[in-house]
Amino acid sequence: GDGNSDDAPAINRALQNAGTSWVVLENLRYLTNGTIVMGFGQKLRCEGSLAYDGSRAAIELTNQNIELDIFELRHNKGVSHNQSAKFIGSGVQFTGNVYNANINIDKILYFNKAFDIVPTHKAGDNDKYRGVQYCKISWQYVIGEYGIYIDMVKGMTSDYNGRRTWVNENQFNGGRLMCRYGIYSTPVDDKYKKTIGVINGNVFNSIGFEG
């Protein structure tokens, strides 16, 4: 929490050892060079700022029943918001099967994708069925390129046959999206339509758009 040392390894070890108990970070500035990876039932609260210094995802959610409560999540190399700014990496990335997650972040600053929802993108996972479902996602304001980014086919190769992904029945509770693109879903190529790409039942509440 000194703002200079890489705290990601210690935070990951704490999450692994805490089981389903809360890992609580004080009101300090925590620098992370690597990704904080959260699995089944893990809970993380940061009362200060998490400042990410990498090019991938600051936090990756990979499983069910995750709780995340952060005052501020920012990219350490971020710049003030303007239409020519170049933003880097993802704030919170949802990969694999993420169900029943409860995500509350007051501020997400200077990421290319604040909420990066890519169920196909979990490394080393060969499951045919992957989805993000029944999650509650809340924020106060986001500054970046994309606020909510949904990609159903990232990482898919020519062996897509029989695979399915979905982003269903989640709640997105604003907050303001001060982004170039507020809510964005990538197109699904024609060859995937019969096997992949179900998005339905999502609810978007009280979201303000600016930018």
C-alpha atoms as a PDB file:
ATOM      1  CA  GLY A   1       0.000   0.000   0.000  1.00  0.00           C
ATOM      2  CA  ASP A   2       2.904   2.421  -0.474  1.00  0.00           C
ATOM      3  CA  GLY A   3       1.971   3.153  -4.100  1.00  0.00           C
ATOM      4  CA  ASN A   4       5.376   1.971  -5.375  1.00  0.00           C
ATOM      5  CA  SER A   5       5.663  -1.771  -4.729  1.00  0.00           C
ATOM      6  CA  ASP A   6       3.778  -4.385  -6.749  1.00  0.00           C
ATOM      7  CA  ASP A   7       1.039  -5.637  -4.411  1.00  0.00           C
ATOM      8  CA  ALA A   8      -0.612  -8.076  -6.843  1.00  0.00           C
ATOM      9  CA  PRO A   9       1.271 -11.218  -5.647  1.00  0.00           C
ATOM     10  CA  ALA A  10       0.410 -10.525  -2.000  1.00  0.00           C
ATOM     11  CA  ILE A  11      -3.252  -9.809  -2.803  1.00  0.00           C
ATOM     12  CA  ASN A  12      -3.524 -13.022  -4.836  1.00  0.00           C
ATOM     13  CA  ARG A  13      -1.961 -15.036  -1.999  1.00  0.00           C
ATOM     14  CA  ALA A  14      -4.355 -13.459   0.492  1.00  0.00           C
ATOM     15  CA  LEU A  15      -7.356 -14.371  -1.686  1.00  0.00           C
ATOM     16  CA  GLN A  16      -6.138 -17.951  -2.083  1.00  0.00           C
ATOM     17  CA  ASN A  17      -5.701 -18.364   1.680  1.00  0.00           C
ATOM     18  CA  ALA A  18      -8.875 -16.569   2.762  1.00  0.00           C
ATOM     19  CA  GLY A  19     -11.289 -19.057   1.232  1.00  0.00           C
ATOM     20  CA  THR A  20     -14.688 -17.356   1.214  1.00  0.00           C
ATOM     21  CA  SER A  21     -13.763 -14.765   3.877  1.00  0.00           C
ATOM     22  CA  TRP A  22     -13.235 -11.119   2.964  1.00  0.00           C
ATOM     23  CA  VAL A  23      -9.790  -9.795   2.086  1.00  0.00           C
ATOM     24  CA  VAL A  24      -9.863  -6.118   3.120  1.00  0.00           C
ATOM     25  CA  LEU A  25      -7.329  -3.520   1.926  1.00  0.00           C
ATOM     26  CA  GLU A  26      -7.048  -0.290   3.887  1.00  0.00           C
ATOM     27  CA  ASN A  27      -7.517   3.249   2.606  1.00  0.00           C
ATOM     28  CA  LEU A  28      -4.137   3.330   0.840  1.00  0.00           C
ATOM     29  CA  ARG A  29      -2.889   3.327  -2.755  1.00  0.00           C
ATOM     30  CA  TYR A  30      -2.069  -0.197  -3.947  1.00  0.00           C
ATOM     31  CA  LEU A  31       0.024  -0.597  -7.103  1.00  0.00           C
ATOM     32  CA  THR A  32      -0.431  -3.801  -9.135  1.00  0.00           C
ATOM     33  CA  ASN A  33       1.695  -4.788 -12.105  1.00  0.00           C
ATOM     34  CA  GLY A  34      -0.001  -8.159 -12.563  1.00  0.00           C
ATOM     35  CA  THR A  35      -3.629  -9.276 -12.675  1.00  0.00           C
ATOM     36  CA  ILE A  36      -5.595  -9.992  -9.513  1.00  0.00           C
ATOM     37  CA  VAL A  37      -7.413 -13.274 -10.268  1.00  0.00           C
ATOM     38  CA  MET A  38     -10.590 -14.088  -8.338  1.00  0.00           C
ATOM     39  CA  GLY A  39     -12.164 -17.544  -8.239  1.00  0.00           C
ATOM     40  CA  PHE A  40     -15.061 -19.305  -6.560  1.00  0.00           C
ATOM     41  CA  GLY A  41     -16.529 -17.471  -3.580  1.00  0.00           C
ATOM     42  CA  GLN A  42     -13.616 -15.063  -3.154  1.00  0.00           C
ATOM     43  CA  LYS A  43     -14.258 -11.602  -1.707  1.00  0.00           C
ATOM     44  CA  LEU A  44     -12.131  -8.467  -2.006  1.00  0.00           C
ATOM     45  CA  ARG A  45     -12.759  -4.999  -0.560  1.00  0.00           C
ATOM     46  CA  CYS A  46     -10.418  -2.062  -1.173  1.00  0.00           C
ATOM     47  CA  GLU A  47     -11.189   1.072   0.819  1.00  0.00           C
ATOM     48  CA  GLY A  48      -8.535   3.041  -1.083  1.00  0.00           C
ATOM     49  CA  SER A  49      -7.229   2.943  -4.655  1.00  0.00           C
ATOM     50  CA  LEU A  50      -6.041   0.024  -6.792  1.00  0.00           C
ATOM     51  CA  ALA A  51      -3.677   1.416  -9.444  1.00  0.00           C
ATOM     52  CA  TYR A  52      -2.936  -1.054 -12.255  1.00  0.00           C
ATOM     53  CA  ASP A  53       0.274  -0.701 -14.250  1.00  0.00           C
ATOM     54  CA  GLY A  54      -0.094  -3.455 -16.901  1.00  0.00           C
ATOM     55  CA  SER A  55      -1.652  -3.903 -20.333  1.00  0.00           C
ATOM     56  CA  ARG A  56      -4.098  -6.780 -19.709  1.00  0.00           C
ATOM     57  CA  ALA A  57      -6.763  -6.870 -16.961  1.00  0.00           C
ATOM     58  CA  ALA A  58      -6.434  -5.331 -13.518  1.00  0.00           C
ATOM     59  CA  ILE A  59      -8.913  -7.862 -12.074  1.00  0.00           C
ATOM     60  CA  GLU A  60     -10.082 -11.105 -13.673  1.00  0.00           C
ATOM     61  CA  LEU A  61     -13.212 -12.917 -12.469  1.00  0.00           C
ATOM     62  CA  THR A  62     -13.201 -16.613 -13.344  1.00  0.00           C
ATOM     63  CA  ASN A  63     -15.941 -18.328 -11.337  1.00  0.00           C
ATOM     64  CA  GLN A  64     -19.104 -18.027  -9.239  1.00  0.00           C
ATOM     65  CA  ASN A  65     -20.228 -16.128  -6.123  1.00  0.00           C
ATOM     66  CA  ILE A  66     -17.484 -13.495  -6.239  1.00  0.00           C
ATOM     67  CA  GLU A  67     -17.810 -10.269  -4.205  1.00  0.00           C
ATOM     68  CA  LEU A  68     -15.818  -7.174  -5.195  1.00  0.00           C
ATOM     69  CA  ASP A  69     -16.116  -3.796  -3.485  1.00  0.00           C
ATOM     70  CA  ILE A  70     -13.599  -1.082  -4.470  1.00  0.00           C
ATOM     71  CA  PHE A  71     -13.555   2.660  -3.933  1.00  0.00           C
ATOM     72  CA  GLU A  72     -11.271   3.411  -6.901  1.00  0.00           C
ATOM     73  CA  LEU A  73      -9.812   1.253  -9.686  1.00  0.00           C
ATOM     74  CA  ARG A  74      -7.537   3.134 -12.063  1.00  0.00           C
ATOM     75  CA  HIS A  75      -4.901   2.586 -14.696  1.00  0.00           C
ATOM     76  CA  ASN A  76      -1.658   3.966 -13.322  1.00  0.00           C
ATOM     77  CA  LYS A  77      -0.677   5.406 -16.699  1.00  0.00           C
ATOM     78  CA  GLY A  78      -4.070   7.031 -17.193  1.00  0.00           C
ATOM     79  CA  VAL A  79      -4.596  10.509 -18.559  1.00  0.00           C
ATOM     80  CA  SER A  80      -7.355  13.065 -18.236  1.00  0.00           C
ATOM     81  CA  HIS A  81     -10.393  12.235 -20.334  1.00  0.00           C
ATOM     82  CA  ASN A  82     -10.565  13.704 -23.818  1.00  0.00           C
ATOM     83  CA  GLN A  83     -11.631  12.458 -27.217  1.00  0.00           C
ATOM     84  CA  SER A  84      -8.041  11.780 -28.393  1.00  0.00           C
ATOM     85  CA  ALA A  85      -6.936   9.903 -25.257  1.00  0.00           C
ATOM     86  CA  LYS A  86      -5.506   6.390 -25.633  1.00  0.00           C
ATOM     87  CA  PHE A  87      -6.565   4.084 -22.833  1.00  0.00           C
ATOM     88  CA  ILE A  88      -5.006   0.730 -21.916  1.00  0.00           C
ATOM     89  CA  GLY A  89      -6.154  -2.667 -20.648  1.00  0.00           C
ATOM     90  CA  SER A  90      -9.308  -3.755 -18.860  1.00  0.00           C
ATOM     91  CA  GLY A  91     -10.576  -2.827 -15.410  1.00  0.00           C
ATOM     92  CA  VAL A  92     -12.681  -5.879 -14.489  1.00  0.00           C
ATOM     93  CA  GLN A  93     -12.685  -8.789 -16.932  1.00  0.00           C
ATOM     94  CA  PHE A  94     -15.321 -11.547 -16.737  1.00  0.00           C
ATOM     95  CA  THR A  95     -14.021 -14.817 -18.220  1.00  0.00           C
ATOM     96  CA  GLY A  96     -15.269 -18.394 -18.261  1.00  0.00           C
ATOM     97  CA  ASN A  97     -18.450 -18.996 -16.240  1.00  0.00           C
ATOM     98  CA  VAL A  98     -19.130 -16.083 -13.886  1.00  0.00           C
ATOM     99  CA  TYR A  99     -22.440 -16.395 -12.017  1.00  0.00           C
ATOM    100  CA  ASN A 100     -23.893 -14.503  -9.059  1.00  0.00           C
ATOM    101  CA  ALA A 101     -21.038 -11.999  -8.809  1.00  0.00           C
ATOM    102  CA  ASN A 102     -21.698  -8.804  -6.872  1.00  0.00           C
ATOM    103  CA  ILE A 103     -19.469  -5.990  -8.165  1.00  0.00           C
ATOM    104  CA  ASN A 104     -19.482  -2.485  -6.705  1.00  0.00           C
ATOM    105  CA  ILE A 105     -16.821   0.046  -7.782  1.00  0.00           C
ATOM    106  CA  ASP A 106     -17.236   3.764  -7.163  1.00  0.00           C
ATOM    107  CA  LYS A 107     -14.705   4.957  -9.763  1.00  0.00           C
ATOM    108  CA  ILE A 108     -13.105   3.185 -12.729  1.00  0.00           C
ATOM    109  CA  LEU A 109     -10.601   5.413 -14.480  1.00  0.00           C
ATOM    110  CA  TYR A 110      -8.570   5.366 -17.704  1.00  0.00           C
ATOM    111  CA  PHE A 111      -9.035   1.787 -18.957  1.00  0.00           C
ATOM    112  CA  ASN A 112      -9.726   0.818 -22.551  1.00  0.00           C
ATOM    113  CA  LYS A 113     -12.565  -1.412 -21.271  1.00  0.00           C
ATOM    114  CA  ALA A 114     -13.944  -0.756 -17.795  1.00  0.00           C
ATOM    115  CA  PHE A 115     -16.180  -3.863 -17.621  1.00  0.00           C
ATOM    116  CA  ASP A 116     -14.791  -6.367 -20.133  1.00  0.00           C
ATOM    117  CA  ILE A 117     -17.245  -9.279 -20.503  1.00  0.00           C
ATOM    118  CA  VAL A 118     -15.613 -12.062 -22.530  1.00  0.00           C
ATOM    119  CA  PRO A 119     -16.912 -15.508 -21.470  1.00  0.00           C
ATOM    120  CA  THR A 120     -14.890 -17.253 -24.202  1.00  0.00           C
ATOM    121  CA  HIS A 121     -11.563 -15.893 -23.036  1.00  0.00           C
ATOM    122  CA  LYS A 122     -10.631 -17.965 -19.961  1.00  0.00           C
ATOM    123  CA  ALA A 123      -7.137 -19.354 -20.582  1.00  0.00           C
ATOM    124  CA  GLY A 124      -6.844 -23.152 -20.704  1.00  0.00           C
ATOM    125  CA  ASP A 125     -10.615 -23.701 -20.421  1.00  0.00           C
ATOM    126  CA  ASN A 126     -12.014 -26.050 -23.062  1.00  0.00           C
ATOM    127  CA  ASP A 127     -15.607 -26.025 -21.815  1.00  0.00           C
ATOM    128  CA  LYS A 128     -18.151 -25.773 -24.608  1.00  0.00           C
ATOM    129  CA  TYR A 129     -20.542 -23.712 -22.485  1.00  0.00           C
ATOM    130  CA  ARG A 130     -19.499 -20.413 -20.917  1.00  0.00           C
ATOM    131  CA  GLY A 131     -21.539 -17.540 -19.689  1.00  0.00           C
ATOM    132  CA  VAL A 132     -21.905 -14.507 -17.458  1.00  0.00           C
ATOM    133  CA  GLN A 133     -25.243 -14.637 -15.661  1.00  0.00           C
ATOM    134  CA  TYR A 134     -27.106 -13.300 -12.586  1.00  0.00           C
ATOM    135  CA  CYS A 135     -24.377 -10.744 -11.791  1.00  0.00           C
ATOM    136  CA  LYS A 136     -25.006  -7.335 -10.184  1.00  0.00           C
ATOM    137  CA  ILE A 137     -22.617  -4.631 -11.393  1.00  0.00           C
ATOM    138  CA  SER A 138     -22.700  -1.129  -9.897  1.00  0.00           C
ATOM    139  CA  TRP A 139     -20.572   1.996 -10.219  1.00  0.00           C
ATOM    140  CA  GLN A 140     -20.622   5.761  -9.671  1.00  0.00           C
ATOM    141  CA  TYR A 141     -18.628   6.871 -12.691  1.00  0.00           C
ATOM    142  CA  VAL A 142     -16.360   5.481 -15.369  1.00  0.00           C
ATOM    143  CA  ILE A 143     -13.855   7.346 -17.541  1.00  0.00           C
ATOM    144  CA  GLY A 144     -12.301   5.471 -20.469  1.00  0.00           C
ATOM    145  CA  GLU A 145     -12.813   4.145 -23.996  1.00  0.00           C
ATOM    146  CA  TYR A 146     -15.577   1.547 -23.429  1.00  0.00           C
ATOM    147  CA  GLY A 147     -17.803   1.472 -20.349  1.00  0.00           C
ATOM    148  CA  ILE A 148     -19.441  -1.963 -20.756  1.00  0.00           C
ATOM    149  CA  TYR A 149     -17.845  -4.124 -23.454  1.00  0.00           C
ATOM    150  CA  ILE A 150     -19.364  -7.494 -24.414  1.00  0.00           C
ATOM    151  CA  ASP A 151     -17.501  -9.884 -26.727  1.00  0.00           C
ATOM    152  CA  MET A 152     -19.041 -13.313 -27.363  1.00  0.00           C
ATOM    153  CA  VAL A 153     -16.401 -14.707 -29.735  1.00  0.00           C
ATOM    154  CA  LYS A 154     -12.998 -13.463 -28.528  1.00  0.00           C
ATOM    155  CA  GLY A 155     -10.517 -16.311 -28.506  1.00  0.00           C
ATOM    156  CA  MET A 156     -12.720 -18.601 -30.608  1.00  0.00           C
ATOM    157  CA  THR A 157     -10.976 -20.542 -33.355  1.00  0.00           C
ATOM    158  CA  SER A 158     -12.184 -22.644 -36.273  1.00  0.00           C
ATOM    159  CA  ASP A 159     -13.097 -25.467 -33.848  1.00  0.00           C
ATOM    160  CA  TYR A 160     -16.053 -23.450 -32.502  1.00  0.00           C
ATOM    161  CA  ASN A 161     -18.542 -26.199 -33.426  1.00  0.00           C
ATOM    162  CA  GLY A 162     -20.942 -26.975 -30.584  1.00  0.00           C
ATOM    163  CA  ARG A 163     -19.800 -24.135 -28.316  1.00  0.00           C
ATOM    164  CA  ARG A 164     -22.183 -21.658 -26.740  1.00  0.00           C
ATOM    165  CA  THR A 165     -21.697 -18.454 -24.814  1.00  0.00           C
ATOM    166  CA  TRP A 166     -24.187 -16.156 -23.152  1.00  0.00           C
ATOM    167  CA  VAL A 167     -24.500 -12.908 -21.220  1.00  0.00           C
ATOM    168  CA  ASN A 168     -27.896 -13.206 -19.570  1.00  0.00           C
ATOM    169  CA  GLU A 169     -29.980 -11.720 -16.764  1.00  0.00           C
ATOM    170  CA  ASN A 170     -27.351  -9.414 -15.304  1.00  0.00           C
ATOM    171  CA  GLN A 171     -28.068  -6.050 -13.652  1.00  0.00           C
ATOM    172  CA  PHE A 172     -25.997  -2.985 -14.549  1.00  0.00           C
ATOM    173  CA  ASN A 173     -26.637  -0.149 -12.094  1.00  0.00           C
ATOM    174  CA  GLY A 174     -25.245   3.316 -12.899  1.00  0.00           C
ATOM    175  CA  GLY A 175     -23.573   5.691 -12.401  1.00  0.00           C
ATOM    176  CA  ARG A 176     -22.265   7.653 -15.266  1.00  0.00           C
ATOM    177  CA  LEU A 177     -20.324   6.378 -18.263  1.00  0.00           C
ATOM    178  CA  MET A 178     -17.976   9.157 -19.418  1.00  0.00           C
ATOM    179  CA  CYS A 179     -16.626   7.083 -22.297  1.00  0.00           C
ATOM    180  CA  ARG A 180     -16.221   7.194 -26.051  1.00  0.00           C
ATOM    181  CA  TYR A 181     -18.525   4.146 -26.207  1.00  0.00           C
ATOM    182  CA  GLY A 182     -20.946   3.611 -23.330  1.00  0.00           C
ATOM    183  CA  ILE A 183     -22.335   0.095 -23.899  1.00  0.00           C
ATOM    184  CA  TYR A 184     -20.879  -1.916 -26.768  1.00  0.00           C
ATOM    185  CA  SER A 185     -21.338  -5.482 -28.019  1.00  0.00           C
ATOM    186  CA  THR A 186     -19.160  -6.866 -30.790  1.00  0.00           C
ATOM    187  CA  PRO A 187     -20.968  -8.303 -33.827  1.00  0.00           C
ATOM    188  CA  VAL A 188     -21.262 -12.081 -34.083  1.00  0.00           C
ATOM    189  CA  ASP A 189     -20.008 -13.451 -37.404  1.00  0.00           C
ATOM    190  CA  ASP A 190     -22.635 -15.351 -39.471  1.00  0.00           C
ATOM    191  CA  LYS A 191     -20.858 -18.692 -39.084  1.00  0.00           C
ATOM    192  CA  TYR A 192     -21.267 -18.537 -35.300  1.00  0.00           C
ATOM    193  CA  LYS A 193     -24.963 -17.689 -35.106  1.00  0.00           C
ATOM    194  CA  LYS A 194     -26.277 -21.222 -34.637  1.00  0.00           C
ATOM    195  CA  THR A 195     -23.839 -22.122 -31.879  1.00  0.00           C
ATOM    196  CA  ILE A 196     -22.808 -19.004 -30.004  1.00  0.00           C
ATOM    197  CA  GLY A 197     -23.918 -15.595 -28.914  1.00  0.00           C
ATOM    198  CA  VAL A 198     -27.012 -15.416 -26.695  1.00  0.00           C
ATOM    199  CA  ILE A 199     -27.576 -12.060 -24.969  1.00  0.00           C
ATOM    200  CA  ASN A 200     -30.894 -11.515 -23.206  1.00  0.00           C
ATOM    201  CA  GLY A 201     -32.632 -10.454 -20.021  1.00  0.00           C
ATOM    202  CA  ASN A 202     -30.015  -7.915 -18.965  1.00  0.00           C
ATOM    203  CA  VAL A 203     -31.297  -4.865 -17.089  1.00  0.00           C
ATOM    204  CA  PHE A 204     -29.691  -1.407 -17.252  1.00  0.00           C
ATOM    205  CA  ASN A 205     -30.707   0.985 -14.460  1.00  0.00           C
ATOM    206  CA  SER A 206     -30.141   4.741 -14.029  1.00  0.00           C
ATOM    207  CA  ILE A 207     -27.131   5.062 -16.333  1.00  0.00           C
ATOM    208  CA  GLY A 208     -26.009   8.505 -17.469  1.00  0.00           C
ATOM    209  CA  PHE A 209     -23.938   8.913 -20.636  1.00  0.00           C
ATOM    210  CA  GLU A 210     -21.423  11.659 -21.272  1.00  0.00           C
ATOM    211  CA  GLY A 211     -18.774  11.849 -23.954  1.00  0.00           C
END
